[in-house]
Protein backbone atom coordinates (compact mmCIF):
# COMPACT_ATOMS: atom_id res chain seq x y z
CA UNK A 1 0.00 0.00 0.00
CA UNK A 2 1.37 3.41 -0.91
CA UNK A 3 2.19 5.83 1.88
CA UNK A 4 -0.47 8.33 0.73
CA UNK A 5 -3.14 5.63 0.69
CA UNK A 6 -2.08 4.41 4.11
CA UNK A 7 -2.21 7.97 5.49
CA UNK A 8 -5.70 8.46 4.01
CA UNK A 9 -6.92 5.16 5.45
CA UNK A 10 -5.46 6.05 8.86
CA UNK A 11 -7.17 9.46 8.81
CA UNK A 12 -10.53 7.98 7.83
CA UNK A 13 -10.27 5.28 10.48
CA UNK A 14 -9.26 7.81 13.14
CA UNK A 15 -12.30 9.94 12.31
CA UNK A 16 -14.56 6.87 12.56
CA UNK A 17 -12.88 5.80 15.81
CA UNK A 18 -13.33 9.25 17.32
CA UNK A 19 -17.03 9.17 16.49
CA UNK A 20 -17.47 5.69 17.94
CA UNK A 21 -15.62 6.65 21.15
CA UNK A 22 -17.86 9.69 21.58
CA UNK A 23 -20.95 7.50 21.16
CA UNK A 24 -19.88 4.37 23.07
CA UNK A 25 -16.76 4.99 25.16
CA UNK A 26 -13.07 4.34 24.68
CA UNK A 27 -12.71 1.01 26.43
CA UNK A 28 -15.60 -0.57 24.54
CA UNK A 29 -14.33 0.66 21.18
CA UNK A 30 -10.74 -0.37 21.93
CA UNK A 31 -11.84 -3.89 22.90
CA UNK A 32 -13.74 -4.31 19.64
CA UNK A 33 -10.91 -2.85 17.56
CA UNK A 34 -8.34 -5.14 19.20
CA UNK A 35 -10.52 -8.20 18.67
CA UNK A 36 -11.10 -7.32 15.03
CA UNK A 37 -7.42 -6.57 14.42
CA UNK A 38 -6.32 -9.88 15.91
CA UNK A 39 -8.98 -11.69 13.88
CA UNK A 40 -7.70 -10.07 10.67
CA UNK A 41 -4.14 -11.10 11.51
CA UNK A 42 -5.28 -14.64 12.40
CA UNK A 43 -7.16 -14.90 9.09
CA UNK A 44 -4.38 -13.38 6.96
CA UNK A 45 -1.29 -15.04 8.46
CA UNK A 46 -0.21 -18.59 9.08
CA UNK A 47 0.14 -19.65 12.72
CA UNK A 48 3.88 -18.91 12.95
CA UNK A 49 3.54 -15.41 11.47
CA UNK A 50 0.44 -14.72 13.57
CA UNK A 51 2.36 -15.60 16.75
CA UNK A 52 5.27 -13.42 15.61
CA UNK A 53 2.85 -10.52 15.03
CA UNK A 54 1.25 -10.87 18.46
CA UNK A 55 4.70 -11.09 20.07
CA UNK A 56 5.81 -7.99 18.14
CA UNK A 57 2.72 -6.08 19.25
CA UNK A 58 3.44 -6.98 22.85
CA UNK A 59 7.13 -6.11 22.58
CA UNK A 60 6.27 -2.71 21.06
CA UNK A 61 3.94 -1.62 23.89
CA UNK A 62 6.40 0.99 25.19
CA UNK A 63 6.44 2.65 21.75
CA UNK A 64 2.68 3.28 21.66
CA UNK A 65 1.73 6.93 22.06
CA UNK A 66 -1.40 8.30 23.67
CA UNK A 67 -3.92 10.19 21.57
CA UNK A 68 -4.31 13.86 22.28
CA UNK A 69 -7.38 14.38 24.49
CA UNK A 70 -9.35 16.07 21.70
CA UNK A 71 -9.13 13.01 19.42
CA UNK A 72 -11.11 10.74 21.72
CA UNK A 73 -13.47 13.12 23.47
C-alpha atoms as a PDB file:
ATOM      1  CA  UNK A   1       0.000   0.000   0.000  1.00  0.00           C
ATOM      2  CA  UNK A   2       1.367   3.412  -0.912  1.00  0.00           C
ATOM      3  CA  UNK A   3       2.189   5.829   1.875  1.00  0.00           C
ATOM      4  CA  UNK A   4      -0.465   8.335   0.730  1.00  0.00           C
ATOM      5  CA  UNK A   5      -3.140   5.630   0.687  1.00  0.00           C
ATOM      6  CA  UNK A   6      -2.079   4.413   4.107  1.00  0.00           C
ATOM      7  CA  UNK A   7      -2.210   7.965   5.486  1.00  0.00           C
ATOM      8  CA  UNK A   8      -5.699   8.458   4.012  1.00  0.00           C
ATOM      9  CA  UNK A   9      -6.915   5.165   5.452  1.00  0.00           C
ATOM     10  CA  UNK A  10      -5.462   6.050   8.862  1.00  0.00           C
ATOM     11  CA  UNK A  11      -7.166   9.464   8.811  1.00  0.00           C
ATOM     12  CA  UNK A  12     -10.531   7.983   7.833  1.00  0.00           C
ATOM     13  CA  UNK A  13     -10.272   5.285  10.483  1.00  0.00           C
ATOM     14  CA  UNK A  14      -9.256   7.813  13.137  1.00  0.00           C
ATOM     15  CA  UNK A  15     -12.304   9.937  12.314  1.00  0.00           C
ATOM     16  CA  UNK A  16     -14.564   6.871  12.561  1.00  0.00           C
ATOM     17  CA  UNK A  17     -12.877   5.805  15.808  1.00  0.00           C
ATOM     18  CA  UNK A  18     -13.326   9.246  17.323  1.00  0.00           C
ATOM     19  CA  UNK A  19     -17.031   9.174  16.491  1.00  0.00           C
ATOM     20  CA  UNK A  20     -17.472   5.693  17.944  1.00  0.00           C
ATOM     21  CA  UNK A  21     -15.625   6.653  21.155  1.00  0.00           C
ATOM     22  CA  UNK A  22     -17.864   9.689  21.581  1.00  0.00           C
ATOM     23  CA  UNK A  23     -20.952   7.501  21.162  1.00  0.00           C
ATOM     24  CA  UNK A  24     -19.881   4.372  23.067  1.00  0.00           C
ATOM     25  CA  UNK A  25     -16.761   4.985  25.162  1.00  0.00           C
ATOM     26  CA  UNK A  26     -13.068   4.342  24.676  1.00  0.00           C
ATOM     27  CA  UNK A  27     -12.711   1.010  26.431  1.00  0.00           C
ATOM     28  CA  UNK A  28     -15.598  -0.569  24.541  1.00  0.00           C
ATOM     29  CA  UNK A  29     -14.334   0.659  21.181  1.00  0.00           C
ATOM     30  CA  UNK A  30     -10.738  -0.374  21.927  1.00  0.00           C
ATOM     31  CA  UNK A  31     -11.842  -3.891  22.904  1.00  0.00           C
ATOM     32  CA  UNK A  32     -13.738  -4.313  19.640  1.00  0.00           C
ATOM     33  CA  UNK A  33     -10.905  -2.855  17.560  1.00  0.00           C
ATOM     34  CA  UNK A  34      -8.340  -5.141  19.200  1.00  0.00           C
ATOM     35  CA  UNK A  35     -10.518  -8.205  18.674  1.00  0.00           C
ATOM     36  CA  UNK A  36     -11.096  -7.315  15.030  1.00  0.00           C
ATOM     37  CA  UNK A  37      -7.416  -6.572  14.418  1.00  0.00           C
ATOM     38  CA  UNK A  38      -6.317  -9.881  15.911  1.00  0.00           C
ATOM     39  CA  UNK A  39      -8.977 -11.687  13.878  1.00  0.00           C
ATOM     40  CA  UNK A  40      -7.702 -10.066  10.674  1.00  0.00           C
ATOM     41  CA  UNK A  41      -4.136 -11.100  11.510  1.00  0.00           C
ATOM     42  CA  UNK A  42      -5.278 -14.640  12.399  1.00  0.00           C
ATOM     43  CA  UNK A  43      -7.160 -14.899   9.089  1.00  0.00           C
ATOM     44  CA  UNK A  44      -4.384 -13.383   6.959  1.00  0.00           C
ATOM     45  CA  UNK A  45      -1.294 -15.041   8.461  1.00  0.00           C
ATOM     46  CA  UNK A  46      -0.206 -18.592   9.082  1.00  0.00           C
ATOM     47  CA  UNK A  47       0.145 -19.647  12.717  1.00  0.00           C
ATOM     48  CA  UNK A  48       3.877 -18.911  12.946  1.00  0.00           C
ATOM     49  CA  UNK A  49       3.538 -15.410  11.474  1.00  0.00           C
ATOM     50  CA  UNK A  50       0.442 -14.718  13.574  1.00  0.00           C
ATOM     51  CA  UNK A  51       2.357 -15.596  16.750  1.00  0.00           C
ATOM     52  CA  UNK A  52       5.266 -13.416  15.605  1.00  0.00           C
ATOM     53  CA  UNK A  53       2.845 -10.520  15.027  1.00  0.00           C
ATOM     54  CA  UNK A  54       1.253 -10.869  18.462  1.00  0.00           C
ATOM     55  CA  UNK A  55       4.703 -11.089  20.072  1.00  0.00           C
ATOM     56  CA  UNK A  56       5.807  -7.992  18.137  1.00  0.00           C
ATOM     57  CA  UNK A  57       2.717  -6.078  19.249  1.00  0.00           C
ATOM     58  CA  UNK A  58       3.436  -6.984  22.854  1.00  0.00           C
ATOM     59  CA  UNK A  59       7.129  -6.110  22.577  1.00  0.00           C
ATOM     60  CA  UNK A  60       6.265  -2.709  21.064  1.00  0.00           C
ATOM     61  CA  UNK A  61       3.943  -1.624  23.895  1.00  0.00           C
ATOM     62  CA  UNK A  62       6.395   0.995  25.189  1.00  0.00           C
ATOM     63  CA  UNK A  63       6.444   2.647  21.753  1.00  0.00           C
ATOM     64  CA  UNK A  64       2.680   3.285  21.662  1.00  0.00           C
ATOM     65  CA  UNK A  65       1.732   6.933  22.057  1.00  0.00           C
ATOM     66  CA  UNK A  66      -1.400   8.302  23.669  1.00  0.00           C
ATOM     67  CA  UNK A  67      -3.922  10.187  21.569  1.00  0.00           C
ATOM     68  CA  UNK A  68      -4.314  13.863  22.282  1.00  0.00           C
ATOM     69  CA  UNK A  69      -7.383  14.380  24.489  1.00  0.00           C
ATOM     70  CA  UNK A  70      -9.352  16.073  21.696  1.00  0.00           C
ATOM     71  CA  UNK A  71      -9.134  13.015  19.420  1.00  0.00           C
ATOM     72  CA  UNK A  72     -11.108  10.743  21.715  1.00  0.00           C
ATOM     73  CA  UNK A  73     -13.468  13.118  23.468  1.00  0.00           C
END
